[in-house]
């Protein structure tokens, strides 16, 4: 909720918003199952269930916060792809994952 509040502040500079999202990405990578955890896929061990649920919730919020902001669209795409992968592998919903990726748009210059 704090990130959403900070991203919606009227006078917030785009560079500051990009920095906040970059810090969130670093923190997300440090969670179990992230890139800094040995570049491995998450397993469904009993100890990993709370962390994968927390990771999914954080990714969902980051996708929501970065949606429609062109200055963080690369991060939005990364978060969306990662969330779609989690939805497909852990929840088994290929259609929902495909819909997530279908809605993803990235502007190129």
PDB file of N, CA and C in Angstrom:
ATOM      1  N   UNK A   1       0.819  -1.194   0.000  1.00  0.00           N
ATOM      2  CA  UNK A   1       0.000   0.000   0.000  1.00  0.00           C
ATOM      3  C   UNK A   1       0.859   1.252   0.000  1.00  0.00           C
ATOM      4  N   UNK A   2       1.980   1.211   0.688  1.00  0.00           N
ATOM      5  CA  UNK A   2       2.844   2.389   0.734  1.00  0.00           C
ATOM      6  C   UNK A   2       3.440   2.688  -0.632  1.00  0.00           C
ATOM      7  N   UNK A   3       3.818   1.641  -1.361  1.00  0.00           N
ATOM      8  CA  UNK A   3       4.371   1.852  -2.688  1.00  0.00           C
ATOM      9  C   UNK A   3       3.328   2.475  -3.609  1.00  0.00           C
ATOM     10  N   UNK A   4       2.117   1.992  -3.536  1.00  0.00           N
ATOM     11  CA  UNK A   4       1.047   2.548  -4.368  1.00  0.00           C
ATOM     12  C   UNK A   4       0.803   4.015  -4.019  1.00  0.00           C
ATOM     13  N   UNK A   5       0.812   4.328  -2.735  1.00  0.00           N
ATOM     14  CA  UNK A   5       0.643   5.712  -2.295  1.00  0.00           C
ATOM     15  C   UNK A   5       1.766   6.592  -2.825  1.00  0.00           C
ATOM     16  N   UNK A   6       3.006   6.111  -2.720  1.00  0.00           N
ATOM     17  CA  UNK A   6       4.144   6.900  -3.169  1.00  0.00           C
ATOM     18  C   UNK A   6       4.161   7.067  -4.693  1.00  0.00           C
ATOM     19  N   UNK A   7       3.705   6.056  -5.423  1.00  0.00           N
ATOM     20  CA  UNK A   7       3.689   6.152  -6.880  1.00  0.00           C
ATOM     21  C   UNK A   7       2.614   7.123  -7.367  1.00  0.00           C
ATOM     22  N   UNK A   8       1.570   7.321  -6.590  1.00  0.00           N
ATOM     23  CA  UNK A   8       0.470   8.180  -7.017  1.00  0.00           C
ATOM     24  C   UNK A   8       0.608   9.620  -6.531  1.00  0.00           C
ATOM     25  N   UNK A   9       1.661   9.913  -5.811  1.00  0.00           N
ATOM     26  CA  UNK A   9       1.857  11.293  -5.347  1.00  0.00           C
ATOM     27  C   UNK A   9       1.969  12.211  -6.545  1.00  0.00           C
ATOM     28  N   UNK A  10       1.313  13.307  -6.473  1.00  0.00           N
ATOM     29  CA  UNK A  10       1.195  14.213  -7.610  1.00  0.00           C
ATOM     30  C   UNK A  10       2.530  14.811  -8.055  1.00  0.00           C
ATOM     31  N   UNK A  11       3.347  15.210  -7.134  1.00  0.00           N
ATOM     32  CA  UNK A  11       4.594  15.870  -7.474  1.00  0.00           C
ATOM     33  C   UNK A  11       5.786  14.938  -7.606  1.00  0.00           C
ATOM     34  N   UNK A  12       5.545  13.642  -7.575  1.00  0.00           N
ATOM     35  CA  UNK A  12       6.631  12.668  -7.606  1.00  0.00           C
ATOM     36  C   UNK A  12       7.293  12.651  -8.985  1.00  0.00           C
ATOM     37  N   UNK A  13       8.606  12.774  -9.009  1.00  0.00           N
ATOM     38  CA  UNK A  13       9.337  12.757 -10.272  1.00  0.00           C
ATOM     39  C   UNK A  13       9.419  11.330 -10.810  1.00  0.00           C
ATOM     40  N   UNK A  14       9.492  11.229 -12.116  1.00  0.00           N
ATOM     41  CA  UNK A  14       9.554   9.917 -12.762  1.00  0.00           C
ATOM     42  C   UNK A  14      10.830   9.172 -12.399  1.00  0.00           C
ATOM     43  N   UNK A  15      11.922   9.894 -12.202  1.00  0.00           N
ATOM     44  CA  UNK A  15      13.178   9.246 -11.822  1.00  0.00           C
ATOM     45  C   UNK A  15      13.069   8.609 -10.442  1.00  0.00           C
ATOM     46  N   UNK A  16      12.367   9.263  -9.553  1.00  0.00           N
ATOM     47  CA  UNK A  16      12.172   8.731  -8.207  1.00  0.00           C
ATOM     48  C   UNK A  16      11.299   7.487  -8.273  1.00  0.00           C
ATOM     49  N   UNK A  17      10.245   7.522  -9.086  1.00  0.00           N
ATOM     50  CA  UNK A  17       9.382   6.355  -9.241  1.00  0.00           C
ATOM     51  C   UNK A  17      10.163   5.185  -9.828  1.00  0.00           C
ATOM     52  N   UNK A  18      11.002   5.452 -10.820  1.00  0.00           N
ATOM     53  CA  UNK A  18      11.829   4.397 -11.418  1.00  0.00           C
ATOM     54  C   UNK A  18      12.777   3.806 -10.378  1.00  0.00           C
ATOM     55  N   UNK A  19      13.336   4.652  -9.530  1.00  0.00           N
ATOM     56  CA  UNK A  19      14.225   4.178  -8.470  1.00  0.00           C
ATOM     57  C   UNK A  19      13.510   3.305  -7.456  1.00  0.00           C
ATOM     58  N   UNK A  20      12.279   3.694  -7.097  1.00  0.00           N
ATOM     59  CA  UNK A  20      11.503   2.882  -6.150  1.00  0.00           C
ATOM     60  C   UNK A  20      11.209   1.507  -6.732  1.00  0.00           C
ATOM     61  N   UNK A  21      10.842   1.464  -7.993  1.00  0.00           N
ATOM     62  CA  UNK A  21      10.538   0.190  -8.643  1.00  0.00           C
ATOM     63  C   UNK A  21      11.803  -0.663  -8.754  1.00  0.00           C
ATOM     64  N   UNK A  22      12.943  -0.036  -9.042  1.00  0.00           N
ATOM     65  CA  UNK A  22      14.207  -0.772  -9.103  1.00  0.00           C
ATOM     66  C   UNK A  22      14.558  -1.374  -7.748  1.00  0.00           C
ATOM     67  N   UNK A  23      14.335  -0.629  -6.673  1.00  0.00           N
ATOM     68  CA  UNK A  23      14.594  -1.158  -5.329  1.00  0.00           C
ATOM     69  C   UNK A  23      13.651  -2.314  -5.004  1.00  0.00           C
ATOM     70  N   UNK A  24      12.404  -2.201  -5.425  1.00  0.00           N
ATOM     71  CA  UNK A  24      11.448  -3.297  -5.217  1.00  0.00           C
ATOM     72  C   UNK A  24      11.878  -4.539  -5.987  1.00  0.00           C
ATOM     73  N   UNK A  25      12.402  -4.351  -7.187  1.00  0.00           N
ATOM     74  CA  UNK A  25      12.877  -5.483  -7.991  1.00  0.00           C
ATOM     75  C   UNK A  25      14.058  -6.162  -7.301  1.00  0.00           C
ATOM     76  N   UNK A  26      14.968  -5.365  -6.719  1.00  0.00           N
ATOM     77  CA  UNK A  26      16.096  -5.951  -5.986  1.00  0.00           C
ATOM     78  C   UNK A  26      15.610  -6.754  -4.786  1.00  0.00           C
ATOM     79  N   UNK A  27      14.678  -6.185  -4.046  1.00  0.00           N
ATOM     80  CA  UNK A  27      14.144  -6.873  -2.867  1.00  0.00           C
ATOM     81  C   UNK A  27      13.410  -8.147  -3.278  1.00  0.00           C
ATOM     82  N   UNK A  28      12.721  -8.099  -4.398  1.00  0.00           N
ATOM     83  CA  UNK A  28      11.991  -9.267  -4.889  1.00  0.00           C
ATOM     84  C   UNK A  28      12.955 -10.378  -5.290  1.00  0.00           C
ATOM     85  N   UNK A  29      14.095 -10.001  -5.877  1.00  0.00           N
ATOM     86  CA  UNK A  29      15.097 -10.996  -6.255  1.00  0.00           C
ATOM     87  C   UNK A  29      15.736 -11.654  -5.042  1.00  0.00           C
ATOM     88  N   UNK A  30      15.739 -10.978  -3.903  1.00  0.00           N
ATOM     89  CA  UNK A  30      16.343 -11.538  -2.701  1.00  0.00           C
ATOM     90  C   UNK A  30      15.413 -12.478  -1.948  1.00  0.00           C
ATOM     91  N   UNK A  31      14.125 -12.468  -2.290  1.00  0.00           N
ATOM     92  CA  UNK A  31      13.194 -13.415  -1.674  1.00  0.00           C
ATOM     93  C   UNK A  31      13.512 -14.825  -2.147  1.00  0.00           C
ATOM     94  N   UNK A  32      13.165 -15.849  -1.360  1.00  0.00           N
ATOM     95  CA  UNK A  32      13.377 -17.222  -1.818  1.00  0.00           C
ATOM     96  C   UNK A  32      12.668 -17.456  -3.149  1.00  0.00           C
ATOM     97  N   UNK A  33      13.415 -18.044  -4.084  1.00  0.00           N
ATOM     98  CA  UNK A  33      12.882 -18.277  -5.415  1.00  0.00           C
ATOM     99  C   UNK A  33      13.246 -17.181  -6.385  1.00  0.00           C
ATOM    100  N   UNK A  34      13.926 -16.147  -5.899  1.00  0.00           N
ATOM    101  CA  UNK A  34      14.332 -15.043  -6.757  1.00  0.00           C
ATOM    102  C   UNK A  34      15.612 -15.370  -7.499  1.00  0.00           C
ATOM    103  N   UNK A  35      16.086 -14.436  -8.314  1.00  0.00           N
ATOM    104  CA  UNK A  35      17.271 -14.664  -9.128  1.00  0.00           C
ATOM    105  C   UNK A  35      18.526 -14.811  -8.295  1.00  0.00           C
ATOM    106  N   UNK A  36      18.593 -14.159  -7.146  1.00  0.00           N
ATOM    107  CA  UNK A  36      19.793 -14.241  -6.316  1.00  0.00           C
ATOM    108  C   UNK A  36      19.856 -15.533  -5.517  1.00  0.00           C
ATOM    109  N   UNK A  37      18.841 -16.342  -5.613  1.00  0.00           N
ATOM    110  CA  UNK A  37      18.802 -17.586  -4.850  1.00  0.00           C
ATOM    111  C   UNK A  37      19.299 -18.760  -5.693  1.00  0.00           C
ATOM    112  N   UNK A  38      20.345 -18.555  -6.466  1.00  0.00           N
ATOM    113  CA  UNK A  38      20.968 -19.657  -7.179  1.00  0.00           C
ATOM    114  C   UNK A  38      20.368 -19.908  -8.552  1.00  0.00           C
ATOM    115  N   UNK A  39      19.603 -19.008  -9.110  1.00  0.00           N
ATOM    116  CA  UNK A  39      19.028 -19.135 -10.445  1.00  0.00           C
ATOM    117  C   UNK A  39      18.291 -20.455 -10.644  1.00  0.00           C
ATOM    118  N   UNK A  40      17.561 -20.893  -9.641  1.00  0.00           N
ATOM    119  CA  UNK A  40      16.844 -22.162  -9.733  1.00  0.00           C
ATOM    120  C   UNK A  40      15.347 -21.920  -9.708  1.00  0.00           C
ATOM    121  N   UNK A  41      14.626 -22.903 -10.180  1.00  0.00           N
ATOM    122  CA  UNK A  41      13.168 -22.844 -10.138  1.00  0.00           C
ATOM    123  C   UNK A  41      12.701 -23.131  -8.719  1.00  0.00           C
ATOM    124  N   UNK A  42      11.554 -22.561  -8.353  1.00  0.00           N
ATOM    125  CA  UNK A  42      10.993 -22.823  -7.026  1.00  0.00           C
ATOM    126  C   UNK A  42      10.435 -24.234  -6.969  1.00  0.00           C
ATOM    127  N   UNK A  43      10.589 -24.841  -5.811  1.00  0.00           N
ATOM    128  CA  UNK A  43       9.985 -26.147  -5.602  1.00  0.00           C
ATOM    129  C   UNK A  43       8.788 -25.977  -4.699  1.00  0.00           C
ATOM    130  N   UNK A  44       7.973 -27.005  -4.628  1.00  0.00           N
ATOM    131  CA  UNK A  44       6.769 -26.935  -3.812  1.00  0.00           C
ATOM    132  C   UNK A  44       6.995 -27.557  -2.441  1.00  0.00           C
ATOM    133  N   UNK A  45       8.148 -27.302  -1.837  1.00  0.00           N
ATOM    134  CA  UNK A  45       8.397 -27.791  -0.484  1.00  0.00           C
ATOM    135  C   UNK A  45       7.504 -27.046   0.493  1.00  0.00           C
ATOM    136  N   UNK A  46       7.250 -27.662   1.623  1.00  0.00           N
ATOM    137  CA  UNK A  46       6.370 -27.041   2.612  1.00  0.00           C
ATOM    138  C   UNK A  46       6.937 -25.719   3.118  1.00  0.00           C
ATOM    139  N   UNK A  47       8.255 -25.584   3.162  1.00  0.00           N
ATOM    140  CA  UNK A  47       8.866 -24.354   3.635  1.00  0.00           C
ATOM    141  C   UNK A  47       8.780 -23.208   2.639  1.00  0.00           C
ATOM    142  N   UNK A  48       8.604 -23.512   1.353  1.00  0.00           N
ATOM    143  CA  UNK A  48       8.577 -22.475   0.327  1.00  0.00           C
ATOM    144  C   UNK A  48       7.182 -21.927   0.062  1.00  0.00           C
ATOM    145  N   UNK A  49       6.147 -22.562   0.586  1.00  0.00           N
ATOM    146  CA  UNK A  49       4.779 -22.138   0.268  1.00  0.00           C
ATOM    147  C   UNK A  49       4.488 -20.714   0.716  1.00  0.00           C
ATOM    148  N   UNK A  50       4.790 -20.309   1.955  1.00  0.00           N
ATOM    149  CA  UNK A  50       4.508 -18.924   2.330  1.00  0.00           C
ATOM    150  C   UNK A  50       5.303 -17.920   1.504  1.00  0.00           C
ATOM    151  N   UNK A  51       6.569 -18.226   1.178  1.00  0.00           N
ATOM    152  CA  UNK A  51       7.370 -17.288   0.413  1.00  0.00           C
ATOM    153  C   UNK A  51       6.858 -17.163  -1.021  1.00  0.00           C
ATOM    154  N   UNK A  52       6.388 -18.258  -1.616  1.00  0.00           N
ATOM    155  CA  UNK A  52       5.867 -18.165  -2.981  1.00  0.00           C
ATOM    156  C   UNK A  52       4.549 -17.400  -3.009  1.00  0.00           C
ATOM    157  N   UNK A  53       3.741 -17.550  -1.968  1.00  0.00           N
ATOM    158  CA  UNK A  53       2.501 -16.773  -1.894  1.00  0.00           C
ATOM    159  C   UNK A  53       2.809 -15.291  -1.709  1.00  0.00           C
ATOM    160  N   UNK A  54       3.789 -14.989  -0.865  1.00  0.00           N
ATOM    161  CA  UNK A  54       4.183 -13.594  -0.660  1.00  0.00           C
ATOM    162  C   UNK A  54       4.765 -13.019  -1.944  1.00  0.00           C
ATOM    163  N   UNK A  55       5.561 -13.809  -2.638  1.00  0.00           N
ATOM    164  CA  UNK A  55       6.146 -13.375  -3.910  1.00  0.00           C
ATOM    165  C   UNK A  55       5.054 -13.081  -4.939  1.00  0.00           C
ATOM    166  N   UNK A  56       4.039 -13.939  -4.994  1.00  0.00           N
ATOM    167  CA  UNK A  56       2.937 -13.735  -5.926  1.00  0.00           C
ATOM    168  C   UNK A  56       2.167 -12.465  -5.583  1.00  0.00           C
ATOM    169  N   UNK A  57       1.922 -12.224  -4.315  1.00  0.00           N
ATOM    170  CA  UNK A  57       1.211 -11.010  -3.907  1.00  0.00           C
ATOM    171  C   UNK A  57       2.017  -9.757  -4.237  1.00  0.00           C
ATOM    172  N   UNK A  58       3.319  -9.803  -3.995  1.00  0.00           N
ATOM    173  CA  UNK A  58       4.168  -8.654  -4.289  1.00  0.00           C
ATOM    174  C   UNK A  58       4.208  -8.393  -5.791  1.00  0.00           C
ATOM    175  N   UNK A  59       4.348  -9.466  -6.578  1.00  0.00           N
ATOM    176  CA  UNK A  59       4.361  -9.304  -8.031  1.00  0.00           C
ATOM    177  C   UNK A  59       3.043  -8.730  -8.537  1.00  0.00           C
ATOM    178  N   UNK A  60       1.938  -9.195  -7.983  1.00  0.00           N
ATOM    179  CA  UNK A  60       0.632  -8.685  -8.388  1.00  0.00           C
ATOM    180  C   UNK A  60       0.524  -7.197  -8.108  1.00  0.00           C
ATOM    181  N   UNK A  61       0.979  -6.775  -6.949  1.00  0.00           N
ATOM    182  CA  UNK A  61       0.920  -5.357  -6.607  1.00  0.00           C
ATOM    183  C   UNK A  61       1.866  -4.541  -7.482  1.00  0.00           C
ATOM    184  N   UNK A  62       3.057  -5.060  -7.767  1.00  0.00           N
ATOM    185  CA  UNK A  62       3.992  -4.339  -8.620  1.00  0.00           C
ATOM    186  C   UNK A  62       3.460  -4.207 -10.051  1.00  0.00           C
ATOM    187  N   UNK A  63       2.809  -5.246 -10.550  1.00  0.00           N
ATOM    188  CA  UNK A  63       2.210  -5.164 -11.880  1.00  0.00           C
ATOM    189  C   UNK A  63       1.118  -4.097 -11.887  1.00  0.00           C
ATOM    190  N   UNK A  64       0.322  -4.067 -10.846  1.00  0.00           N
ATOM    191  CA  UNK A  64      -0.760  -3.079 -10.751  1.00  0.00           C
ATOM    192  C   UNK A  64      -0.203  -1.657 -10.672  1.00  0.00           C
ATOM    193  N   UNK A  65       0.835  -1.457  -9.876  1.00  0.00           N
ATOM    194  CA  UNK A  65       1.395  -0.122  -9.661  1.00  0.00           C
ATOM    195  C   UNK A  65       2.087   0.397 -10.927  1.00  0.00           C
ATOM    196  N   UNK A  66       2.763  -0.479 -11.670  1.00  0.00           N
ATOM    197  CA  UNK A  66       3.516  -0.039 -12.842  1.00  0.00           C
ATOM    198  C   UNK A  66       2.666   0.015 -14.110  1.00  0.00           C
ATOM    199  N   UNK A  67       1.449  -0.440 -14.041  1.00  0.00           N
ATOM    200  CA  UNK A  67       0.593  -0.468 -15.223  1.00  0.00           C
ATOM    201  C   UNK A  67       0.284   0.948 -15.714  1.00  0.00           C
ATOM    202  N   UNK A  68       0.493   1.171 -16.998  1.00  0.00           N
ATOM    203  CA  UNK A  68       0.177   2.454 -17.604  1.00  0.00           C
ATOM    204  C   UNK A  68       1.240   3.525 -17.433  1.00  0.00           C
ATOM    205  N   UNK A  69       2.365   3.198 -16.829  1.00  0.00           N
ATOM    206  CA  UNK A  69       3.439   4.168 -16.649  1.00  0.00           C
ATOM    207  C   UNK A  69       4.562   3.819 -17.622  1.00  0.00           C
ATOM    208  N   UNK A  70       4.727   4.671 -18.626  1.00  0.00           N
ATOM    209  CA  UNK A  70       5.660   4.350 -19.704  1.00  0.00           C
ATOM    210  C   UNK A  70       7.115   4.348 -19.241  1.00  0.00           C
ATOM    211  N   UNK A  71       7.442   5.104 -18.205  1.00  0.00           N
ATOM    212  CA  UNK A  71       8.836   5.180 -17.751  1.00  0.00           C
ATOM    213  C   UNK A  71       9.275   3.946 -16.966  1.00  0.00           C
ATOM    214  N   UNK A  72       8.359   3.078 -16.608  1.00  0.00           N
ATOM    215  CA  UNK A  72       8.709   1.817 -15.938  1.00  0.00           C
ATOM    216  C   UNK A  72       8.097   0.623 -16.669  1.00  0.00           C
ATOM    217  N   UNK A  73       7.882   0.770 -17.983  1.00  0.00           N
ATOM    218  CA  UNK A  73       7.213  -0.305 -18.705  1.00  0.00           C
ATOM    219  C   UNK A  73       8.083  -1.552 -18.854  1.00  0.00           C
ATOM    220  N   UNK A  74       9.401  -1.402 -18.869  1.00  0.00           N
ATOM    221  CA  UNK A  74      10.270  -2.578 -18.939  1.00  0.00           C
ATOM    222  C   UNK A  74      10.126  -3.417 -17.674  1.00  0.00           C
ATOM    223  N   UNK A  75      10.109  -2.757 -16.526  1.00  0.00           N
ATOM    224  CA  UNK A  75       9.908  -3.474 -15.267  1.00  0.00           C
ATOM    225  C   UNK A  75       8.512  -4.080 -15.212  1.00  0.00           C
ATOM    226  N   UNK A  76       7.519  -3.345 -15.726  1.00  0.00           N
ATOM    227  CA  UNK A  76       6.148  -3.865 -15.764  1.00  0.00           C
ATOM    228  C   UNK A  76       6.095  -5.155 -16.577  1.00  0.00           C
ATOM    229  N   UNK A  77       6.776  -5.158 -17.711  1.00  0.00           N
ATOM    230  CA  UNK A  77       6.801  -6.359 -18.550  1.00  0.00           C
ATOM    231  C   UNK A  77       7.496  -7.512 -17.824  1.00  0.00           C
ATOM    232  N   UNK A  78       8.589  -7.222 -17.157  1.00  0.00           N
ATOM    233  CA  UNK A  78       9.321  -8.264 -16.424  1.00  0.00           C
ATOM    234  C   UNK A  78       8.474  -8.864 -15.306  1.00  0.00           C
ATOM    235  N   UNK A  79       7.810  -7.980 -14.539  1.00  0.00           N
ATOM    236  CA  UNK A  79       6.959  -8.457 -13.453  1.00  0.00           C
ATOM    237  C   UNK A  79       5.783  -9.262 -13.998  1.00  0.00           C
ATOM    238  N   UNK A  80       5.211  -8.818 -15.102  1.00  0.00           N
ATOM    239  CA  UNK A  80       4.059  -9.516 -15.689  1.00  0.00           C
ATOM    240  C   UNK A  80       4.438 -10.898 -16.190  1.00  0.00           C
ATOM    241  N   UNK A  81       5.589 -11.002 -16.848  1.00  0.00           N
ATOM    242  CA  UNK A  81       6.044 -12.297 -17.350  1.00  0.00           C
ATOM    243  C   UNK A  81       6.322 -13.251 -16.192  1.00  0.00           C
ATOM    244  N   UNK A  82       6.961 -12.751 -15.155  1.00  0.00           N
ATOM    245  CA  UNK A  82       7.258 -13.591 -13.993  1.00  0.00           C
ATOM    246  C   UNK A  82       5.973 -14.045 -13.295  1.00  0.00           C
ATOM    247  N   UNK A  83       5.002 -13.146 -13.173  1.00  0.00           N
ATOM    248  CA  UNK A  83       3.725 -13.499 -12.561  1.00  0.00           C
ATOM    249  C   UNK A  83       2.980 -14.514 -13.415  1.00  0.00           C
ATOM    250  N   UNK A  84       3.008 -14.342 -14.727  1.00  0.00           N
ATOM    251  CA  UNK A  84       2.353 -15.299 -15.624  1.00  0.00           C
ATOM    252  C   UNK A  84       2.996 -16.687 -15.506  1.00  0.00           C
ATOM    253  N   UNK A  85       4.314 -16.707 -15.359  1.00  0.00           N
ATOM    254  CA  UNK A  85       5.017 -17.986 -15.184  1.00  0.00           C
ATOM    255  C   UNK A  85       4.589 -18.672 -13.884  1.00  0.00           C
ATOM    256  N   UNK A  86       4.468 -17.900 -12.826  1.00  0.00           N
ATOM    257  CA  UNK A  86       4.037 -18.456 -11.540  1.00  0.00           C
ATOM    258  C   UNK A  86       2.610 -18.978 -11.630  1.00  0.00           C
ATOM    259  N   UNK A  87       1.741 -18.207 -12.272  1.00  0.00           N
ATOM    260  CA  UNK A  87       0.339 -18.634 -12.410  1.00  0.00           C
ATOM    261  C   UNK A  87       0.263 -19.926 -13.217  1.00  0.00           C
ATOM    262  N   UNK A  88       1.075 -20.033 -14.251  1.00  0.00           N
ATOM    263  CA  UNK A  88       1.042 -21.230 -15.094  1.00  0.00           C
ATOM    264  C   UNK A  88       1.602 -22.452 -14.375  1.00  0.00           C
ATOM    265  N   UNK A  89       2.736 -22.302 -13.692  1.00  0.00           N
ATOM    266  CA  UNK A  89       3.377 -23.468 -13.094  1.00  0.00           C
ATOM    267  C   UNK A  89       2.761 -23.888 -11.768  1.00  0.00           C
ATOM    268  N   UNK A  90       2.443 -22.927 -10.905  1.00  0.00           N
ATOM    269  CA  UNK A  90       1.973 -23.291  -9.572  1.00  0.00           C
ATOM    270  C   UNK A  90       0.466 -23.454  -9.503  1.00  0.00           C
ATOM    271  N   UNK A  91      -0.260 -22.638 -10.250  1.00  0.00           N
ATOM    272  CA  UNK A  91      -1.713 -22.726 -10.194  1.00  0.00           C
ATOM    273  C   UNK A  91      -2.270 -23.554 -11.343  1.00  0.00           C
ATOM    274  N   UNK A  92      -1.451 -23.833 -12.348  1.00  0.00           N
ATOM    275  CA  UNK A  92      -1.875 -24.667 -13.459  1.00  0.00           C
ATOM    276  C   UNK A  92      -2.873 -24.009 -14.395  1.00  0.00           C
ATOM    277  N   UNK A  93      -2.968 -22.723 -14.384  1.00  0.00           N
ATOM    278  CA  UNK A  93      -3.930 -22.009 -15.215  1.00  0.00           C
ATOM    279  C   UNK A  93      -3.225 -21.395 -16.414  1.00  0.00           C
ATOM    280  N   UNK A  94      -3.125 -22.168 -17.485  1.00  0.00           N
ATOM    281  CA  UNK A  94      -2.442 -21.684 -18.681  1.00  0.00           C
ATOM    282  C   UNK A  94      -3.232 -20.583 -19.377  1.00  0.00           C
ATOM    283  N   UNK A  95      -4.533 -20.673 -19.347  1.00  0.00           N
ATOM    284  CA  UNK A  95      -5.363 -19.658 -20.000  1.00  0.00           C
ATOM    285  C   UNK A  95      -5.200 -18.300 -19.310  1.00  0.00           C
ATOM    286  N   UNK A  96      -5.208 -18.289 -17.982  1.00  0.00           N
ATOM    287  CA  UNK A  96      -5.030 -17.039 -17.250  1.00  0.00           C
ATOM    288  C   UNK A  96      -3.641 -16.445 -17.509  1.00  0.00           C
ATOM    289  N   UNK A  97      -2.623 -17.294 -17.554  1.00  0.00           N
ATOM    290  CA  UNK A  97      -1.265 -16.826 -17.844  1.00  0.00           C
ATOM    291  C   UNK A  97      -1.184 -16.265 -19.258  1.00  0.00           C
ATOM    292  N   UNK A  98      -1.837 -16.925 -20.204  1.00  0.00           N
ATOM    293  CA  UNK A  98      -1.843 -16.430 -21.586  1.00  0.00           C
ATOM    294  C   UNK A  98      -2.567 -15.092 -21.684  1.00  0.00           C
ATOM    295  N   UNK A  99      -3.656 -14.932 -20.944  1.00  0.00           N
ATOM    296  CA  UNK A  99      -4.372 -13.653 -20.946  1.00  0.00           C
ATOM    297  C   UNK A  99      -3.521 -12.531 -20.368  1.00  0.00           C
ATOM    298  N   UNK A 100      -2.742 -12.843 -19.314  1.00  0.00           N
ATOM    299  CA  UNK A 100      -1.844 -11.842 -18.731  1.00  0.00           C
ATOM    300  C   UNK A 100      -0.828 -11.366 -19.763  1.00  0.00           C
ATOM    301  N   UNK A 101      -0.255 -12.327 -20.486  1.00  0.00           N
ATOM    302  CA  UNK A 101       0.761 -11.977 -21.475  1.00  0.00           C
ATOM    303  C   UNK A 101       0.143 -11.301 -22.693  1.00  0.00           C
ATOM    304  N   UNK A 102      -1.080 -11.658 -23.016  1.00  0.00           N
ATOM    305  CA  UNK A 102      -1.759 -11.058 -24.158  1.00  0.00           C
ATOM    306  C   UNK A 102      -2.058  -9.578 -23.915  1.00  0.00           C
ATOM    307  N   UNK A 103      -2.335  -9.213 -22.672  1.00  0.00           N
ATOM    308  CA  UNK A 103      -2.640  -7.832 -22.323  1.00  0.00           C
ATOM    309  C   UNK A 103      -1.387  -6.968 -22.220  1.00  0.00           C
ATOM    310  N   UNK A 104      -0.234  -7.596 -22.225  1.00  0.00           N
ATOM    311  CA  UNK A 104       1.029  -6.883 -22.060  1.00  0.00           C
ATOM    312  C   UNK A 104       1.397  -6.155 -23.348  1.00  0.00           C
ATOM    313  N   UNK A 105       1.691  -4.868 -23.230  1.00  0.00           N
ATOM    314  CA  UNK A 105       2.110  -4.063 -24.372  1.00  0.00           C
ATOM    315  C   UNK A 105       3.375  -3.318 -23.996  1.00  0.00           C
ATOM    316  N   UNK A 106       4.350  -3.363 -24.895  1.00  0.00           N
ATOM    317  CA  UNK A 106       5.597  -2.656 -24.680  1.00  0.00           C
ATOM    318  C   UNK A 106       5.836  -1.749 -25.879  1.00  0.00           C
ATOM    319  N   UNK A 107       6.023  -0.473 -25.605  1.00  0.00           N
ATOM    320  CA  UNK A 107       6.286   0.498 -26.664  1.00  0.00           C
ATOM    321  C   UNK A 107       7.770   0.444 -27.029  1.00  0.00           C
ATOM    322  N   UNK A 108       8.039   0.447 -28.321  1.00  0.00           N
ATOM    323  CA  UNK A 108       9.431   0.493 -28.784  1.00  0.00           C
ATOM    324  C   UNK A 108       9.641   1.763 -29.583  1.00  0.00           C
ATOM    325  N   UNK A 109      10.827   2.251 -29.531  1.00  0.00           N
ATOM    326  CA  UNK A 109      11.139   3.499 -30.234  1.00  0.00           C
ATOM    327  C   UNK A 109      12.050   3.214 -31.393  1.00  0.00           C
TER     328      UNK A 109
END
